[in-house]
Amino acid sequence: MLQSLQYSIDVIRDEARHLVQRGSVSRQQPIYTLCKYIPAREWTLVECELEASGYLLRDRISDLMGREDWDND
């Protein structure tokens, strides 16, 4: 039996932060860029969660990540 994955907005934010920290994506790129790093069969679930949370795919990844705290300030 196949198990359906659930993507909460917090999980999507964490994944975006991880990709930014690794340097795979930039904060200035559109959220749509994340589809390269999420399996195609799961992208629809991610897209629905983003829409339900008020995000557009053209919004910047930095909008999704929200406020960031810096330790070295």
PDB file of N, CA and C in Angstrom:
ATOM      1  N   MET A   1       0.840  -1.173   0.000  1.00  0.00           N
ATOM      2  CA  MET A   1       0.000   0.000   0.000  1.00  0.00           C
ATOM      3  C   MET A   1       0.890   1.242   0.000  1.00  0.00           C
ATOM      4  N   LEU A   2       0.579   2.198  -0.877  1.00  0.00           N
ATOM      5  CA  LEU A   2       1.329   3.434  -0.934  1.00  0.00           C
ATOM      6  C   LEU A   2       0.844   4.395   0.138  1.00  0.00           C
ATOM      7  N   GLN A   3       1.782   5.059   0.742  1.00  0.00           N
ATOM      8  CA  GLN A   3       1.447   5.997   1.801  1.00  0.00           C
ATOM      9  C   GLN A   3       1.511   7.411   1.243  1.00  0.00           C
ATOM     10  N   SER A   4       0.487   8.200   1.489  1.00  0.00           N
ATOM     11  CA  SER A   4       0.438   9.578   1.015  1.00  0.00           C
ATOM     12  C   SER A   4       1.225  10.473   1.962  1.00  0.00           C
ATOM     13  N   LEU A   5       2.066  11.314   1.394  1.00  0.00           N
ATOM     14  CA  LEU A   5       2.858  12.241   2.194  1.00  0.00           C
ATOM     15  C   LEU A   5       2.058  13.512   2.444  1.00  0.00           C
ATOM     16  N   GLN A   6       2.253  14.110   3.588  1.00  0.00           N
ATOM     17  CA  GLN A   6       1.623  15.375   3.915  1.00  0.00           C
ATOM     18  C   GLN A   6       2.696  16.438   4.003  1.00  0.00           C
ATOM     19  N   TYR A   7       2.480  17.533   3.332  1.00  0.00           N
ATOM     20  CA  TYR A   7       3.420  18.646   3.373  1.00  0.00           C
ATOM     21  C   TYR A   7       2.766  19.799   4.095  1.00  0.00           C
ATOM     22  N   SER A   8       3.257  20.113   5.268  1.00  0.00           N
ATOM     23  CA  SER A   8       2.779  21.295   5.965  1.00  0.00           C
ATOM     24  C   SER A   8       3.620  22.478   5.516  1.00  0.00           C
ATOM     25  N   ILE A   9       3.122  23.671   5.751  1.00  0.00           N
ATOM     26  CA  ILE A   9       3.872  24.857   5.356  1.00  0.00           C
ATOM     27  C   ILE A   9       5.198  24.922   6.114  1.00  0.00           C
ATOM     28  N   ASP A  10       5.230  24.417   7.345  1.00  0.00           N
ATOM     29  CA  ASP A  10       6.482  24.402   8.122  1.00  0.00           C
ATOM     30  C   ASP A  10       7.527  23.485   7.491  1.00  0.00           C
ATOM     31  N   VAL A  11       7.101  22.346   6.990  1.00  0.00           N
ATOM     32  CA  VAL A  11       8.020  21.421   6.324  1.00  0.00           C
ATOM     33  C   VAL A  11       8.568  22.055   5.045  1.00  0.00           C
ATOM     34  N   ILE A  12       7.709  22.735   4.306  1.00  0.00           N
ATOM     35  CA  ILE A  12       8.144  23.399   3.066  1.00  0.00           C
ATOM     36  C   ILE A  12       9.134  24.513   3.394  1.00  0.00           C
ATOM     37  N   ARG A  13       8.854  25.290   4.438  1.00  0.00           N
ATOM     38  CA  ARG A  13       9.778  26.354   4.854  1.00  0.00           C
ATOM     39  C   ARG A  13      11.132  25.783   5.256  1.00  0.00           C
ATOM     40  N   ASP A  14      11.109  24.706   6.022  1.00  0.00           N
ATOM     41  CA  ASP A  14      12.364  24.079   6.451  1.00  0.00           C
ATOM     42  C   ASP A  14      13.179  23.603   5.256  1.00  0.00           C
ATOM     43  N   GLU A  15      12.505  23.011   4.287  1.00  0.00           N
ATOM     44  CA  GLU A  15      13.204  22.536   3.086  1.00  0.00           C
ATOM     45  C   GLU A  15      13.795  23.720   2.319  1.00  0.00           C
ATOM     46  N   ALA A  16      13.044  24.808   2.214  1.00  0.00           N
ATOM     47  CA  ALA A  16      13.546  26.000   1.522  1.00  0.00           C
ATOM     48  C   ALA A  16      14.771  26.554   2.249  1.00  0.00           C
ATOM     49  N   ARG A  17      14.713  26.641   3.580  1.00  0.00           N
ATOM     50  CA  ARG A  17      15.863  27.128   4.365  1.00  0.00           C
ATOM     51  C   ARG A  17      17.092  26.253   4.136  1.00  0.00           C
ATOM     52  N   HIS A  18      16.869  24.963   4.147  1.00  0.00           N
ATOM     53  CA  HIS A  18      17.967  24.011   3.934  1.00  0.00           C
ATOM     54  C   HIS A  18      18.610  24.226   2.558  1.00  0.00           C
ATOM     55  N   LEU A  19      17.791  24.376   1.533  1.00  0.00           N
ATOM     56  CA  LEU A  19      18.318  24.578   0.178  1.00  0.00           C
ATOM     57  C   LEU A  19      19.058  25.908   0.049  1.00  0.00           C
ATOM     58  N   VAL A  20      18.576  26.946   0.738  1.00  0.00           N
ATOM     59  CA  VAL A  20      19.257  28.246   0.719  1.00  0.00           C
ATOM     60  C   VAL A  20      20.596  28.135   1.440  1.00  0.00           C
ATOM     61  N   GLN A  21      20.614  27.478   2.593  1.00  0.00           N
ATOM     62  CA  GLN A  21      21.854  27.326   3.361  1.00  0.00           C
ATOM     63  C   GLN A  21      22.890  26.533   2.581  1.00  0.00           C
ATOM     64  N   ARG A  22      22.446  25.535   1.828  1.00  0.00           N
ATOM     65  CA  ARG A  22      23.357  24.735   1.003  1.00  0.00           C
ATOM     66  C   ARG A  22      23.839  25.492  -0.220  1.00  0.00           C
ATOM     67  N   GLY A  23      23.146  26.561  -0.568  1.00  0.00           N
ATOM     68  CA  GLY A  23      23.505  27.326  -1.753  1.00  0.00           C
ATOM     69  C   GLY A  23      22.879  26.785  -3.029  1.00  0.00           C
ATOM     70  N   SER A  24      21.930  25.877  -2.901  1.00  0.00           N
ATOM     71  CA  SER A  24      21.276  25.299  -4.074  1.00  0.00           C
ATOM     72  C   SER A  24      20.313  26.283  -4.733  1.00  0.00           C
ATOM     73  N   VAL A  25      19.694  27.135  -3.910  1.00  0.00           N
ATOM     74  CA  VAL A  25      18.784  28.164  -4.414  1.00  0.00           C
ATOM     75  C   VAL A  25      19.103  29.479  -3.718  1.00  0.00           C
ATOM     76  N   SER A  26      18.627  30.553  -4.309  1.00  0.00           N
ATOM     77  CA  SER A  26      18.816  31.887  -3.747  1.00  0.00           C
ATOM     78  C   SER A  26      17.504  32.364  -3.119  1.00  0.00           C
ATOM     79  N   ARG A  27      17.609  33.204  -2.114  1.00  0.00           N
ATOM     80  CA  ARG A  27      16.420  33.787  -1.490  1.00  0.00           C
ATOM     81  C   ARG A  27      15.594  34.601  -2.481  1.00  0.00           C
ATOM     82  N   GLN A  28      16.236  35.092  -3.531  1.00  0.00           N
ATOM     83  CA  GLN A  28      15.571  35.966  -4.494  1.00  0.00           C
ATOM     84  C   GLN A  28      14.855  35.213  -5.617  1.00  0.00           C
ATOM     85  N   GLN A  29      15.051  33.913  -5.703  1.00  0.00           N
ATOM     86  CA  GLN A  29      14.395  33.126  -6.745  1.00  0.00           C
ATOM     87  C   GLN A  29      12.925  32.910  -6.387  1.00  0.00           C
ATOM     88  N   PRO A  30      12.086  32.678  -7.410  1.00  0.00           N
ATOM     89  CA  PRO A  30      10.675  32.404  -7.121  1.00  0.00           C
ATOM     90  C   PRO A  30      10.502  31.048  -6.443  1.00  0.00           C
ATOM     91  N   ILE A  31       9.430  30.940  -5.683  1.00  0.00           N
ATOM     92  CA  ILE A  31       9.124  29.687  -4.969  1.00  0.00           C
ATOM     93  C   ILE A  31       9.064  28.514  -5.945  1.00  0.00           C
ATOM     94  N   TYR A  32       8.640  28.766  -7.164  1.00  0.00           N
ATOM     95  CA  TYR A  32       8.538  27.705  -8.162  1.00  0.00           C
ATOM     96  C   TYR A  32       9.858  26.950  -8.337  1.00  0.00           C
ATOM     97  N   THR A  33      10.970  27.590  -8.058  1.00  0.00           N
ATOM     98  CA  THR A  33      12.291  26.968  -8.188  1.00  0.00           C
ATOM     99  C   THR A  33      12.396  25.705  -7.329  1.00  0.00           C
ATOM    100  N   LEU A  34      11.659  25.657  -6.247  1.00  0.00           N
ATOM    101  CA  LEU A  34      11.718  24.498  -5.344  1.00  0.00           C
ATOM    102  C   LEU A  34      11.247  23.209  -6.004  1.00  0.00           C
ATOM    103  N   CYS A  35      10.477  23.329  -7.087  1.00  0.00           N
ATOM    104  CA  CYS A  35       9.955  22.119  -7.739  1.00  0.00           C
ATOM    105  C   CYS A  35      11.076  21.236  -8.285  1.00  0.00           C
ATOM    106  N   LYS A  36      12.262  21.803  -8.500  1.00  0.00           N
ATOM    107  CA  LYS A  36      13.407  21.016  -8.973  1.00  0.00           C
ATOM    108  C   LYS A  36      13.918  20.054  -7.899  1.00  0.00           C
ATOM    109  N   TYR A  37      13.589  20.344  -6.653  1.00  0.00           N
ATOM    110  CA  TYR A  37      14.128  19.581  -5.524  1.00  0.00           C
ATOM    111  C   TYR A  37      13.075  18.730  -4.822  1.00  0.00           C
ATOM    112  N   ILE A  38      11.869  18.753  -5.328  1.00  0.00           N
ATOM    113  CA  ILE A  38      10.779  17.965  -4.757  1.00  0.00           C
ATOM    114  C   ILE A  38      10.279  17.036  -5.859  1.00  0.00           C
ATOM    115  N   PRO A  39      10.115  15.752  -5.563  1.00  0.00           N
ATOM    116  CA  PRO A  39       9.657  14.813  -6.600  1.00  0.00           C
ATOM    117  C   PRO A  39       8.378  15.301  -7.277  1.00  0.00           C
ATOM    118  N   ALA A  40       8.294  15.127  -8.581  1.00  0.00           N
ATOM    119  CA  ALA A  40       7.164  15.624  -9.375  1.00  0.00           C
ATOM    120  C   ALA A  40       5.823  15.118  -8.850  1.00  0.00           C
ATOM    121  N   ARG A  41       5.765  13.878  -8.422  1.00  0.00           N
ATOM    122  CA  ARG A  41       4.503  13.322  -7.942  1.00  0.00           C
ATOM    123  C   ARG A  41       4.048  13.966  -6.632  1.00  0.00           C
ATOM    124  N   GLU A  42       4.968  14.621  -5.924  1.00  0.00           N
ATOM    125  CA  GLU A  42       4.633  15.275  -4.660  1.00  0.00           C
ATOM    126  C   GLU A  42       4.453  16.784  -4.811  1.00  0.00           C
ATOM    127  N   TRP A  43       4.863  17.332  -5.948  1.00  0.00           N
ATOM    128  CA  TRP A  43       4.816  18.784  -6.135  1.00  0.00           C
ATOM    129  C   TRP A  43       3.386  19.322  -6.038  1.00  0.00           C
ATOM    130  N   THR A  44       2.400  18.575  -6.540  1.00  0.00           N
ATOM    131  CA  THR A  44       1.006  19.018  -6.469  1.00  0.00           C
ATOM    132  C   THR A  44       0.580  19.239  -5.028  1.00  0.00           C
ATOM    133  N   LEU A  45       1.011  18.356  -4.132  1.00  0.00           N
ATOM    134  CA  LEU A  45       0.684  18.514  -2.714  1.00  0.00           C
ATOM    135  C   LEU A  45       1.318  19.781  -2.141  1.00  0.00           C
ATOM    136  N   VAL A  46       2.551  20.026  -2.524  1.00  0.00           N
ATOM    137  CA  VAL A  46       3.269  21.216  -2.067  1.00  0.00           C
ATOM    138  C   VAL A  46       2.575  22.472  -2.604  1.00  0.00           C
ATOM    139  N   GLU A  47       2.239  22.435  -3.869  1.00  0.00           N
ATOM    140  CA  GLU A  47       1.586  23.582  -4.502  1.00  0.00           C
ATOM    141  C   GLU A  47       0.249  23.896  -3.820  1.00  0.00           C
ATOM    142  N   CYS A  48      -0.521  22.882  -3.496  1.00  0.00           N
ATOM    143  CA  CYS A  48      -1.805  23.079  -2.811  1.00  0.00           C
ATOM    144  C   CYS A  48      -1.600  23.688  -1.426  1.00  0.00           C
ATOM    145  N   GLU A  49      -0.598  23.225  -0.703  1.00  0.00           N
ATOM    146  CA  GLU A  49      -0.322  23.759   0.634  1.00  0.00           C
ATOM    147  C   GLU A  49       0.135  25.214   0.557  1.00  0.00           C
ATOM    148  N   LEU A  50       0.965  25.533  -0.423  1.00  0.00           N
ATOM    149  CA  LEU A  50       1.399  26.919  -0.610  1.00  0.00           C
ATOM    150  C   LEU A  50       0.206  27.821  -0.904  1.00  0.00           C
ATOM    151  N   GLU A  51      -0.651  27.369  -1.784  1.00  0.00           N
ATOM    152  CA  GLU A  51      -1.842  28.149  -2.138  1.00  0.00           C
ATOM    153  C   GLU A  51      -2.753  28.343  -0.923  1.00  0.00           C
ATOM    154  N   ALA A  52      -2.960  27.296  -0.152  1.00  0.00           N
ATOM    155  CA  ALA A  52      -3.804  27.384   1.041  1.00  0.00           C
ATOM    156  C   ALA A  52      -3.220  28.347   2.077  1.00  0.00           C
ATOM    157  N   SER A  53      -1.900  28.509   2.046  1.00  0.00           N
ATOM    158  CA  SER A  53      -1.227  29.401   2.998  1.00  0.00           C
ATOM    159  C   SER A  53      -1.038  30.813   2.440  1.00  0.00           C
ATOM    160  N   GLY A  54      -1.565  31.064   1.237  1.00  0.00           N
ATOM    161  CA  GLY A  54      -1.537  32.402   0.678  1.00  0.00           C
ATOM    162  C   GLY A  54      -0.297  32.758  -0.126  1.00  0.00           C
ATOM    163  N   TYR A  55       0.466  31.773  -0.547  1.00  0.00           N
ATOM    164  CA  TYR A  55       1.669  32.020  -1.348  1.00  0.00           C
ATOM    165  C   TYR A  55       1.392  31.758  -2.822  1.00  0.00           C
ATOM    166  N   LEU A  56       2.019  32.557  -3.665  1.00  0.00           N
ATOM    167  CA  LEU A  56       1.975  32.349  -5.107  1.00  0.00           C
ATOM    168  C   LEU A  56       3.313  31.771  -5.541  1.00  0.00           C
ATOM    169  N   LEU A  57       3.312  30.987  -6.590  1.00  0.00           N
ATOM    170  CA  LEU A  57       4.552  30.375  -7.049  1.00  0.00           C
ATOM    171  C   LEU A  57       5.559  31.409  -7.535  1.00  0.00           C
ATOM    172  N   ARG A  58       5.099  32.588  -7.886  1.00  0.00           N
ATOM    173  CA  ARG A  58       6.012  33.645  -8.337  1.00  0.00           C
ATOM    174  C   ARG A  58       6.592  34.452  -7.173  1.00  0.00           C
ATOM    175  N   ASP A  59       6.056  34.267  -5.952  1.00  0.00           N
ATOM    176  CA  ASP A  59       6.620  34.931  -4.770  1.00  0.00           C
ATOM    177  C   ASP A  59       8.054  34.478  -4.567  1.00  0.00           C
ATOM    178  N   ARG A  60       8.837  35.284  -3.907  1.00  0.00           N
ATOM    179  CA  ARG A  60      10.241  34.968  -3.638  1.00  0.00           C
ATOM    180  C   ARG A  60      10.356  33.928  -2.515  1.00  0.00           C
ATOM    181  N   ILE A  61      11.405  33.145  -2.571  1.00  0.00           N
ATOM    182  CA  ILE A  61      11.673  32.166  -1.512  1.00  0.00           C
ATOM    183  C   ILE A  61      11.836  32.878  -0.174  1.00  0.00           C
ATOM    184  N   SER A  62      12.403  34.087  -0.191  1.00  0.00           N
ATOM    185  CA  SER A  62      12.569  34.851   1.053  1.00  0.00           C
ATOM    186  C   SER A  62      11.215  35.163   1.691  1.00  0.00           C
ATOM    187  N   ASP A  63      10.172  35.362   0.885  1.00  0.00           N
ATOM    188  CA  ASP A  63       8.831  35.583   1.436  1.00  0.00           C
ATOM    189  C   ASP A  63       8.351  34.339   2.177  1.00  0.00           C
ATOM    190  N   LEU A  64       8.632  33.204   1.630  1.00  0.00           N
ATOM    191  CA  LEU A  64       8.244  31.934   2.241  1.00  0.00           C
ATOM    192  C   LEU A  64       9.006  31.683   3.539  1.00  0.00           C
ATOM    193  N   MET A  65      10.287  31.990   3.528  1.00  0.00           N
ATOM    194  CA  MET A  65      11.124  31.721   4.692  1.00  0.00           C
ATOM    195  C   MET A  65      10.789  32.635   5.866  1.00  0.00           C
ATOM    196  N   GLY A  66      10.286  33.819   5.579  1.00  0.00           N
ATOM    197  CA  GLY A  66       9.928  34.737   6.645  1.00  0.00           C
ATOM    198  C   GLY A  66      11.143  35.339   7.316  1.00  0.00           C
ATOM    199  N   ARG A  67      10.973  35.732   8.536  1.00  0.00           N
ATOM    200  CA  ARG A  67      12.031  36.389   9.295  1.00  0.00           C
ATOM    201  C   ARG A  67      13.123  35.401   9.663  1.00  0.00           C
ATOM    202  N   GLU A  68      14.355  35.862   9.552  1.00  0.00           N
ATOM    203  CA  GLU A  68      15.498  35.033   9.921  1.00  0.00           C
ATOM    204  C   GLU A  68      16.279  35.711  11.033  1.00  0.00           C
ATOM    205  N   ASP A  69      16.750  34.932  11.970  1.00  0.00           N
ATOM    206  CA  ASP A  69      17.597  35.447  13.047  1.00  0.00           C
ATOM    207  C   ASP A  69      19.047  35.116  12.741  1.00  0.00           C
ATOM    208  N   TRP A  70      19.915  36.087  12.948  1.00  0.00           N
ATOM    209  CA  TRP A  70      21.330  35.907  12.686  1.00  0.00           C
ATOM    210  C   TRP A  70      22.074  35.873  14.013  1.00  0.00           C
ATOM    211  N   ASP A  71      22.898  34.866  14.224  1.00  0.00           N
ATOM    212  CA  ASP A  71      23.644  34.722  15.462  1.00  0.00           C
ATOM    213  C   ASP A  71      24.816  35.676  15.555  1.00  0.00           C
ATOM    214  N   ASN A  72      25.372  36.107  14.442  1.00  0.00           N
ATOM    215  CA  ASN A  72      26.589  36.894  14.469  1.00  0.00           C
ATOM    216  C   ASN A  72      26.362  38.405  14.361  1.00  0.00           C
ATOM    217  N   ASP A  73      25.158  38.874  14.583  1.00  0.00           N
ATOM    218  CA  ASP A  73      24.891  40.313  14.543  1.00  0.00           C
ATOM    219  C   ASP A  73      25.314  40.984  15.826  1.00  0.00           C
TER     220      ASP A  73
END
